[in-house]
PDB file of N, CA and C in Angstrom:
ATOM      1  N   UNK A   1     -22.571  -3.474  -1.731  1.00  0.00           N
ATOM      2  CA  UNK A   1     -22.811  -5.052  -1.229  1.00  0.00           C
ATOM      3  C   UNK A   1     -22.228  -5.560  -0.154  1.00  0.00           C
ATOM      4  N   UNK A   2     -22.993  -5.938   0.810  1.00  0.00           N
ATOM      5  CA  UNK A   2     -22.835  -5.964   2.122  1.00  0.00           C
ATOM      6  C   UNK A   2     -23.096  -7.062   1.924  1.00  0.00           C
ATOM      7  N   UNK A   3     -22.217  -8.305   3.100  1.00  0.00           N
ATOM      8  CA  UNK A   3     -22.112  -9.176   3.207  1.00  0.00           C
ATOM      9  C   UNK A   3     -23.487  -9.725   4.509  1.00  0.00           C
ATOM     10  N   UNK A   4     -23.966 -10.766   4.068  1.00  0.00           N
ATOM     11  CA  UNK A   4     -24.731 -11.423   5.472  1.00  0.00           C
ATOM     12  C   UNK A   4     -24.439 -11.735   6.394  1.00  0.00           C
ATOM     13  N   UNK A   5     -24.531 -11.899   7.694  1.00  0.00           N
ATOM     14  CA  UNK A   5     -24.204 -12.584   8.975  1.00  0.00           C
ATOM     15  C   UNK A   5     -24.484 -14.070   8.951  1.00  0.00           C
ATOM     16  N   UNK A   6     -25.818 -14.039   8.249  1.00  0.00           N
ATOM     17  CA  UNK A   6     -25.824 -15.548   8.404  1.00  0.00           C
ATOM     18  C   UNK A   6     -25.939 -16.320   7.397  1.00  0.00           C
ATOM     19  N   UNK A   7     -25.182 -15.510   6.225  1.00  0.00           N
ATOM     20  CA  UNK A   7     -24.792 -16.587   5.019  1.00  0.00           C
ATOM     21  C   UNK A   7     -23.115 -17.876   5.393  1.00  0.00           C
ATOM     22  N   UNK A   8     -23.122 -18.547   5.152  1.00  0.00           N
ATOM     23  CA  UNK A   8     -21.958 -19.907   6.127  1.00  0.00           C
ATOM     24  C   UNK A   8     -21.369 -19.920   5.000  1.00  0.00           C
ATOM     25  N   UNK A   9     -21.331 -18.907   4.311  1.00  0.00           N
ATOM     26  CA  UNK A   9     -20.108 -19.067   3.674  1.00  0.00           C
ATOM     27  C   UNK A   9     -19.216 -18.000   3.851  1.00  0.00           C
ATOM     28  N   UNK A  10     -19.070 -16.892   4.599  1.00  0.00           N
ATOM     29  CA  UNK A  10     -18.801 -15.207   4.989  1.00  0.00           C
ATOM     30  C   UNK A  10     -18.476 -15.714   6.293  1.00  0.00           C
ATOM     31  N   UNK A  11     -18.586 -16.815   6.705  1.00  0.00           N
ATOM     32  CA  UNK A  11     -18.681 -17.124   8.303  1.00  0.00           C
ATOM     33  C   UNK A  11     -16.093 -17.588   8.643  1.00  0.00           C
ATOM     34  N   UNK A  12     -15.761 -17.579   8.103  1.00  0.00           N
ATOM     35  CA  UNK A  12     -14.379 -18.272   8.209  1.00  0.00           C
ATOM     36  C   UNK A  12     -13.622 -17.451   7.234  1.00  0.00           C
ATOM     37  N   UNK A  13     -14.463 -16.791   6.689  1.00  0.00           N
ATOM     38  CA  UNK A  13     -13.195 -15.568   5.355  1.00  0.00           C
ATOM     39  C   UNK A  13     -12.383 -14.912   6.342  1.00  0.00           C
ATOM     40  N   UNK A  14     -11.331 -14.638   5.553  1.00  0.00           N
ATOM     41  CA  UNK A  14     -10.210 -14.278   6.027  1.00  0.00           C
ATOM     42  C   UNK A  14     -10.163 -12.526   5.090  1.00  0.00           C
ATOM     43  N   UNK A  15      -9.757 -11.565   5.704  1.00  0.00           N
ATOM     44  CA  UNK A  15      -9.766 -10.087   4.608  1.00  0.00           C
ATOM     45  C   UNK A  15      -8.687 -10.268   3.722  1.00  0.00           C
ATOM     46  N   UNK A  16      -8.755  -9.946   3.234  1.00  0.00           N
ATOM     47  CA  UNK A  16      -7.379  -9.806   1.686  1.00  0.00           C
ATOM     48  C   UNK A  16      -6.343  -8.876   2.688  1.00  0.00           C
ATOM     49  N   UNK A  17      -6.975  -7.142   3.351  1.00  0.00           N
ATOM     50  CA  UNK A  17      -6.230  -6.207   3.527  1.00  0.00           C
ATOM     51  C   UNK A  17      -5.363  -6.590   5.680  1.00  0.00           C
ATOM     52  N   UNK A  18      -6.022  -8.232   5.793  1.00  0.00           N
ATOM     53  CA  UNK A  18      -6.218  -7.762   6.878  1.00  0.00           C
ATOM     54  C   UNK A  18      -3.988  -7.341   7.679  1.00  0.00           C
ATOM     55  N   UNK A  19      -3.840  -6.911   8.521  1.00  0.00           N
ATOM     56  CA  UNK A  19      -3.037  -6.448   8.954  1.00  0.00           C
ATOM     57  C   UNK A  19      -1.994  -5.624   8.536  1.00  0.00           C
ATOM     58  N   UNK A  20      -2.874  -4.326   7.241  1.00  0.00           N
ATOM     59  CA  UNK A  20      -2.251  -3.592   6.430  1.00  0.00           C
ATOM     60  C   UNK A  20      -2.769  -2.603   7.334  1.00  0.00           C
ATOM     61  N   UNK A  21      -2.017  -0.732   7.239  1.00  0.00           N
ATOM     62  CA  UNK A  21      -1.557  -0.327   7.757  1.00  0.00           C
ATOM     63  C   UNK A  21      -2.622   0.759   6.817  1.00  0.00           C
ATOM     64  N   UNK A  22      -3.636   1.606   7.625  1.00  0.00           N
ATOM     65  CA  UNK A  22      -4.964   1.767   6.423  1.00  0.00           C
ATOM     66  C   UNK A  22      -4.357   4.083   6.672  1.00  0.00           C
ATOM     67  N   UNK A  23      -4.564   4.243   5.830  1.00  0.00           N
ATOM     68  CA  UNK A  23      -4.281   6.227   6.293  1.00  0.00           C
ATOM     69  C   UNK A  23      -3.089   6.278   5.127  1.00  0.00           C
ATOM     70  N   UNK A  24      -2.686   7.665   5.264  1.00  0.00           N
ATOM     71  CA  UNK A  24      -1.877   7.959   4.576  1.00  0.00           C
ATOM     72  C   UNK A  24      -0.768   7.411   5.193  1.00  0.00           C
ATOM     73  N   UNK A  25       0.135   7.820   3.443  1.00  0.00           N
ATOM     74  CA  UNK A  25       1.512   7.096   3.597  1.00  0.00           C
ATOM     75  C   UNK A  25       2.905   7.859   4.014  1.00  0.00           C
ATOM     76  N   UNK A  26       3.784   7.591   4.970  1.00  0.00           N
ATOM     77  CA  UNK A  26       4.849   8.933   5.604  1.00  0.00           C
ATOM     78  C   UNK A  26       5.900   9.741   4.584  1.00  0.00           C
ATOM     79  N   UNK A  27       5.685  10.578   3.993  1.00  0.00           N
ATOM     80  CA  UNK A  27       6.329  11.482   3.230  1.00  0.00           C
ATOM     81  C   UNK A  27       8.054  10.437   3.417  1.00  0.00           C
ATOM     82  N   UNK A  28       8.973  10.624   2.106  1.00  0.00           N
ATOM     83  CA  UNK A  28       9.589  10.834   1.987  1.00  0.00           C
ATOM     84  C   UNK A  28      10.320  11.388   2.689  1.00  0.00           C
ATOM     85  N   UNK A  29      12.093  10.398   2.831  1.00  0.00           N
ATOM     86  CA  UNK A  29      12.947  11.459   4.092  1.00  0.00           C
ATOM     87  C   UNK A  29      13.966  11.711   2.452  1.00  0.00           C
ATOM     88  N   UNK A  30      15.270  12.055   2.877  1.00  0.00           N
ATOM     89  CA  UNK A  30      15.416  13.120   1.983  1.00  0.00           C
ATOM     90  C   UNK A  30      17.311  11.683   1.502  1.00  0.00           C
ATOM     91  N   UNK A  31      16.999  10.996   1.847  1.00  0.00           N
ATOM     92  CA  UNK A  31      17.837  10.559   1.281  1.00  0.00           C
ATOM     93  C   UNK A  31      17.159   9.415   0.595  1.00  0.00           C
ATOM     94  N   UNK A  32      16.047   9.118   0.540  1.00  0.00           N
ATOM     95  CA  UNK A  32      15.437   8.435  -0.375  1.00  0.00           C
ATOM     96  C   UNK A  32      15.128   9.759  -1.471  1.00  0.00           C
ATOM     97  N   UNK A  33      14.500  10.422  -1.338  1.00  0.00           N
ATOM     98  CA  UNK A  33      14.864  12.190  -2.191  1.00  0.00           C
ATOM     99  C   UNK A  33      15.979  11.904  -3.161  1.00  0.00           C
ATOM    100  N   UNK A  34      16.922  11.912  -2.851  1.00  0.00           N
ATOM    101  CA  UNK A  34      18.429  12.031  -4.107  1.00  0.00           C
ATOM    102  C   UNK A  34      18.566  10.391  -4.033  1.00  0.00           C
ATOM    103  N   UNK A  35      17.983   9.157  -3.453  1.00  0.00           N
ATOM    104  CA  UNK A  35      18.137   7.995  -4.379  1.00  0.00           C
ATOM    105  C   UNK A  35      17.403   8.200  -5.964  1.00  0.00           C
ATOM    106  N   UNK A  36      16.151   8.701  -5.798  1.00  0.00           N
ATOM    107  CA  UNK A  36      15.801   8.861  -6.675  1.00  0.00           C
ATOM    108  C   UNK A  36      15.995  10.104  -7.842  1.00  0.00           C
ATOM    109  N   UNK A  37      15.948  10.781  -7.381  1.00  0.00           N
ATOM    110  CA  UNK A  37      17.196  12.221  -8.344  1.00  0.00           C
ATOM    111  C   UNK A  37      18.310  11.384  -9.069  1.00  0.00           C
ATOM    112  N   UNK A  38      18.797  10.834  -8.609  1.00  0.00           N
ATOM    113  CA  UNK A  38      20.500   9.736  -8.900  1.00  0.00           C
ATOM    114  C   UNK A  38      19.724   9.364  -9.762  1.00  0.00           C
ATOM    115  N   UNK A  39      19.085   8.274  -9.168  1.00  0.00           N
ATOM    116  CA  UNK A  39      18.565   7.012 -10.345  1.00  0.00           C
ATOM    117  C   UNK A  39      18.004   8.203 -11.820  1.00  0.00           C
ATOM    118  N   UNK A  40      16.951   9.021 -11.445  1.00  0.00           N
ATOM    119  CA  UNK A  40      16.890   9.824 -12.617  1.00  0.00           C
ATOM    120  C   UNK A  40      17.339  10.553 -13.505  1.00  0.00           C
ATOM    121  N   UNK A  41      18.499  10.715 -12.934  1.00  0.00           N
ATOM    122  CA  UNK A  41      19.922  11.176 -13.668  1.00  0.00           C
ATOM    123  C   UNK A  41      20.885  10.192 -13.986  1.00  0.00           C
ATOM    124  N   UNK A  42      20.794   9.418 -13.529  1.00  0.00           N
ATOM    125  CA  UNK A  42      21.783   7.647 -13.731  1.00  0.00           C
ATOM    126  C   UNK A  42      20.810   7.860 -15.678  1.00  0.00           C
ATOM    127  N   UNK A  43      19.762   7.932 -15.627  1.00  0.00           N
ATOM    128  CA  UNK A  43      18.680   7.468 -16.702  1.00  0.00           C
ATOM    129  C   UNK A  43      18.299   8.073 -18.133  1.00  0.00           C
ATOM    130  N   UNK A  44      19.071  10.018 -17.330  1.00  0.00           N
ATOM    131  CA  UNK A  44      19.181  10.714 -18.114  1.00  0.00           C
ATOM    132  C   UNK A  44      17.444  11.045 -18.610  1.00  0.00           C
ATOM    133  N   UNK A  45      16.738  11.270 -17.533  1.00  0.00           N
ATOM    134  CA  UNK A  45      14.991  11.236 -17.837  1.00  0.00           C
ATOM    135  C   UNK A  45      15.171  12.316 -16.645  1.00  0.00           C
ATOM    136  N   UNK A  46      13.952  13.133 -16.758  1.00  0.00           N
ATOM    137  CA  UNK A  46      13.347  14.007 -15.577  1.00  0.00           C
ATOM    138  C   UNK A  46      12.180  14.018 -15.472  1.00  0.00           C
TER     139      UNK A  46
END
């Protein structure tokens, strides 16, 4: 369902995701991967 261009209630509406990046996220780098592994090892979780 879309909004009508003639509806005065939608004229000044700000989008909830304005300014956010759209698309796939970048992969984790090695430092981040080792940080996750260290945290899981410290909590004794696999």
